[in-house]
Amino acid sequence: MIKYNEIKIILPKPPSLNQFYAGKHWTVRSKKKEQYWKYIATELEQLDRFHMDRFSVSVRYNCRYDVDNAIVCSKFLADYLRNNGYVDDDTPKYFFSQKTQYDETLGKDVFEVNIKCYGYKLI
């Protein structure tokens, strides 16, 4: 068992938080989330299957979103990890830290995600 591992993935621009919750019916939001999950799955399928005890997420991005509107990337990722068996839950016991930072040195609409995995185990 490896105690600590970092995984870096590149994701496309998600919907902004304002756009995601602006009067949209839950079915519309659910469809957008499922579409974004496909991007996450494509990135994680390139890795060996793993499980982790705890994790944190750091996102650097380059698009016109305010930093607080870019949080959807972390939200969708944490939900995906929980729902697909990479971690038991996304409560603070398991998902203890997230950071979102604008970075104009990245390509346009790029979201670079660093997942710090604690209690990382290949399965």
C-alpha atoms as a PDB file:
ATOM      1  CA  MET A   1       0.000   0.000   0.000  1.00  0.00           C
ATOM      2  CA  ILE A   2       1.269   3.452  -0.924  1.00  0.00           C
ATOM      3  CA  LYS A   3       0.564   6.054   1.785  1.00  0.00           C
ATOM      4  CA  TYR A   4       0.494   9.102  -0.468  1.00  0.00           C
ATOM      5  CA  ASN A   5       0.145   9.755  -4.168  1.00  0.00           C
ATOM      6  CA  GLU A   6      -0.569  12.762  -6.379  1.00  0.00           C
ATOM      7  CA  ILE A   7      -2.596  12.509  -9.551  1.00  0.00           C
ATOM      8  CA  LYS A   8      -2.698  15.307 -12.092  1.00  0.00           C
ATOM      9  CA  ILE A   9      -5.447  15.434 -14.699  1.00  0.00           C
ATOM     10  CA  ILE A  10      -6.583  18.036 -17.216  1.00  0.00           C
ATOM     11  CA  LEU A  11     -10.291  18.736 -17.512  1.00  0.00           C
ATOM     12  CA  PRO A  12     -12.320  21.040 -19.730  1.00  0.00           C
ATOM     13  CA  LYS A  13     -14.207  24.065 -18.501  1.00  0.00           C
ATOM     14  CA  PRO A  14     -17.253  23.047 -16.436  1.00  0.00           C
ATOM     15  CA  PRO A  15     -20.372  25.177 -16.145  1.00  0.00           C
ATOM     16  CA  SER A  16     -19.904  28.114 -13.780  1.00  0.00           C
ATOM     17  CA  LEU A  17     -21.553  27.900 -10.389  1.00  0.00           C
ATOM     18  CA  ASN A  18     -23.821  30.829 -11.256  1.00  0.00           C
ATOM     19  CA  GLN A  19     -24.833  29.220 -14.547  1.00  0.00           C
ATOM     20  CA  PHE A  20     -25.299  25.784 -12.986  1.00  0.00           C
ATOM     21  CA  TYR A  21     -27.761  26.903 -10.317  1.00  0.00           C
ATOM     22  CA  ALA A  22     -29.431  29.861 -12.098  1.00  0.00           C
ATOM     23  CA  GLY A  23     -33.013  28.666 -12.104  1.00  0.00           C
ATOM     24  CA  LYS A  24     -32.221  25.366 -13.772  1.00  0.00           C
ATOM     25  CA  HIS A  25     -34.382  22.321 -13.103  1.00  0.00           C
ATOM     26  CA  TRP A  26     -32.545  19.541 -11.271  1.00  0.00           C
ATOM     27  CA  THR A  27     -32.740  17.314 -14.370  1.00  0.00           C
ATOM     28  CA  VAL A  28     -30.799  19.904 -16.407  1.00  0.00           C
ATOM     29  CA  ARG A  29     -28.157  20.117 -13.673  1.00  0.00           C
ATOM     30  CA  SER A  30     -27.972  16.330 -13.474  1.00  0.00           C
ATOM     31  CA  LYS A  31     -27.387  16.057 -17.232  1.00  0.00           C
ATOM     32  CA  LYS A  32     -24.574  18.656 -17.139  1.00  0.00           C
ATOM     33  CA  LYS A  33     -22.947  16.783 -14.253  1.00  0.00           C
ATOM     34  CA  GLU A  34     -23.155  13.455 -16.096  1.00  0.00           C
ATOM     35  CA  GLN A  35     -21.611  15.043 -19.200  1.00  0.00           C
ATOM     36  CA  TYR A  36     -18.705  16.383 -17.146  1.00  0.00           C
ATOM     37  CA  TRP A  37     -18.275  13.036 -15.434  1.00  0.00           C
ATOM     38  CA  LYS A  38     -17.465  11.550 -18.860  1.00  0.00           C
ATOM     39  CA  TYR A  39     -14.423  13.840 -19.080  1.00  0.00           C
ATOM     40  CA  ILE A  40     -13.324  12.799 -15.583  1.00  0.00           C
ATOM     41  CA  ALA A  41     -13.799   9.112 -16.437  1.00  0.00           C
ATOM     42  CA  THR A  42     -11.705   9.470 -19.603  1.00  0.00           C
ATOM     43  CA  GLU A  43      -8.827  10.954 -17.601  1.00  0.00           C
ATOM     44  CA  LEU A  44      -8.989   8.431 -14.754  1.00  0.00           C
ATOM     45  CA  GLU A  45      -9.338   5.431 -17.078  1.00  0.00           C
ATOM     46  CA  GLN A  46      -5.772   6.109 -18.212  1.00  0.00           C
ATOM     47  CA  LEU A  47      -4.569   5.228 -14.695  1.00  0.00           C
ATOM     48  CA  ASP A  48      -4.524   1.980 -12.775  1.00  0.00           C
ATOM     49  CA  ARG A  49      -7.713   1.573 -10.745  1.00  0.00           C
ATOM     50  CA  PHE A  50      -7.205   2.818  -7.174  1.00  0.00           C
ATOM     51  CA  HIS A  51      -8.926   3.571  -3.889  1.00  0.00           C
ATOM     52  CA  MET A  52      -7.924   6.176  -1.325  1.00  0.00           C
ATOM     53  CA  ASP A  53      -8.794   6.780   2.306  1.00  0.00           C
ATOM     54  CA  ARG A  54      -8.734  10.589   2.101  1.00  0.00           C
ATOM     55  CA  PHE A  55      -8.056  13.211  -0.518  1.00  0.00           C
ATOM     56  CA  SER A  56      -7.661  16.868  -1.302  1.00  0.00           C
ATOM     57  CA  VAL A  57      -8.108  18.683  -4.601  1.00  0.00           C
ATOM     58  CA  SER A  58      -6.268  21.663  -6.020  1.00  0.00           C
ATOM     59  CA  VAL A  59      -7.538  23.236  -9.253  1.00  0.00           C
ATOM     60  CA  ARG A  60      -5.727  25.801 -11.378  1.00  0.00           C
ATOM     61  CA  TYR A  61      -7.730  27.178 -14.259  1.00  0.00           C
ATOM     62  CA  ASN A  62      -7.728  29.735 -17.045  1.00  0.00           C
ATOM     63  CA  CYS A  63     -11.106  31.047 -18.115  1.00  0.00           C
ATOM     64  CA  ARG A  64     -13.177  34.124 -17.400  1.00  0.00           C
ATOM     65  CA  TYR A  65     -14.922  32.664 -14.336  1.00  0.00           C
ATOM     66  CA  ASP A  66     -14.588  34.301 -10.963  1.00  0.00           C
ATOM     67  CA  VAL A  67     -12.702  31.950  -8.658  1.00  0.00           C
ATOM     68  CA  ASP A  68     -15.847  31.080  -6.698  1.00  0.00           C
ATOM     69  CA  ASN A  69     -17.686  30.128  -9.911  1.00  0.00           C
ATOM     70  CA  ALA A  70     -14.927  27.693 -10.916  1.00  0.00           C
ATOM     71  CA  ILE A  71     -15.645  25.525  -7.841  1.00  0.00           C
ATOM     72  CA  VAL A  72     -17.962  23.296  -9.892  1.00  0.00           C
ATOM     73  CA  CYS A  73     -14.897  21.437 -11.187  1.00  0.00           C
ATOM     74  CA  SER A  74     -14.003  20.311  -7.643  1.00  0.00           C
ATOM     75  CA  LYS A  75     -17.635  19.521  -6.823  1.00  0.00           C
ATOM     76  CA  PHE A  76     -18.131  17.328  -9.875  1.00  0.00           C
ATOM     77  CA  LEU A  77     -14.780  15.596  -9.311  1.00  0.00           C
ATOM     78  CA  ALA A  78     -15.483  14.819  -5.640  1.00  0.00           C
ATOM     79  CA  ASP A  79     -18.923  13.459  -6.500  1.00  0.00           C
ATOM     80  CA  TYR A  80     -17.443  11.334  -9.287  1.00  0.00           C
ATOM     81  CA  LEU A  81     -14.741   9.897  -7.022  1.00  0.00           C
ATOM     82  CA  ARG A  82     -17.335   9.017  -4.370  1.00  0.00           C
ATOM     83  CA  ASN A  83     -19.878   7.537  -6.769  1.00  0.00           C
ATOM     84  CA  ASN A  84     -17.321   5.429  -8.618  1.00  0.00           C
ATOM     85  CA  GLY A  85     -15.576   3.796  -5.680  1.00  0.00           C
ATOM     86  CA  TYR A  86     -12.343   5.803  -5.581  1.00  0.00           C
ATOM     87  CA  VAL A  87     -13.145   6.990  -2.047  1.00  0.00           C
ATOM     88  CA  ASP A  88     -15.825   6.022   0.483  1.00  0.00           C
ATOM     89  CA  ASP A  89     -17.421   9.461   0.736  1.00  0.00           C
ATOM     90  CA  ASP A  90     -16.836  13.146   0.089  1.00  0.00           C
ATOM     91  CA  THR A  91     -17.622  14.368   3.599  1.00  0.00           C
ATOM     92  CA  PRO A  92     -14.872  16.261   5.481  1.00  0.00           C
ATOM     93  CA  LYS A  93     -13.652  12.983   6.976  1.00  0.00           C
ATOM     94  CA  TYR A  94     -12.578  11.917   3.471  1.00  0.00           C
ATOM     95  CA  PHE A  95     -12.396  15.121   1.401  1.00  0.00           C
ATOM     96  CA  PHE A  96     -10.596  17.499   3.708  1.00  0.00           C
ATOM     97  CA  SER A  97      -9.294  20.281   1.474  1.00  0.00           C
ATOM     98  CA  GLN A  98      -9.904  22.001  -1.827  1.00  0.00           C
ATOM     99  CA  LYS A  99      -8.251  24.962  -3.487  1.00  0.00           C
ATOM    100  CA  THR A 100      -9.220  26.804  -6.656  1.00  0.00           C
ATOM    101  CA  GLN A 101      -6.824  29.272  -8.234  1.00  0.00           C
ATOM    102  CA  TYR A 102      -6.865  31.321 -11.430  1.00  0.00           C
ATOM    103  CA  ASP A 103      -3.688  30.865 -13.526  1.00  0.00           C
ATOM    104  CA  GLU A 104      -3.358  32.815 -16.758  1.00  0.00           C
ATOM    105  CA  THR A 105      -0.280  30.773 -17.785  1.00  0.00           C
ATOM    106  CA  LEU A 106      -2.506  27.777 -18.596  1.00  0.00           C
ATOM    107  CA  GLY A 107      -4.149  27.340 -21.973  1.00  0.00           C
ATOM    108  CA  LYS A 108      -7.548  28.925 -22.465  1.00  0.00           C
ATOM    109  CA  ASP A 109     -10.390  27.035 -20.723  1.00  0.00           C
ATOM    110  CA  VAL A 110      -7.970  24.506 -19.171  1.00  0.00           C
ATOM    111  CA  PHE A 111      -8.637  23.183 -15.675  1.00  0.00           C
ATOM    112  CA  GLU A 112      -5.543  21.477 -14.247  1.00  0.00           C
ATOM    113  CA  VAL A 113      -6.496  19.302 -11.295  1.00  0.00           C
ATOM    114  CA  ASN A 114      -4.132  17.866  -8.700  1.00  0.00           C
ATOM    115  CA  ILE A 115      -5.624  15.161  -6.471  1.00  0.00           C
ATOM    116  CA  LYS A 116      -3.624  14.337  -3.361  1.00  0.00           C
ATOM    117  CA  CYS A 117      -4.505  10.790  -2.380  1.00  0.00           C
ATOM    118  CA  TYR A 118      -3.833   9.578   1.169  1.00  0.00           C
ATOM    119  CA  GLY A 119      -4.022   5.877   1.928  1.00  0.00           C
ATOM    120  CA  TYR A 120      -3.702   5.273  -1.831  1.00  0.00           C
ATOM    121  CA  LYS A 121      -4.079   1.618  -2.840  1.00  0.00           C
ATOM    122  CA  LEU A 122      -4.144   0.007  -6.254  1.00  0.00           C
ATOM    123  CA  ILE A 123      -7.056  -2.379  -6.709  1.00  0.00           C
END
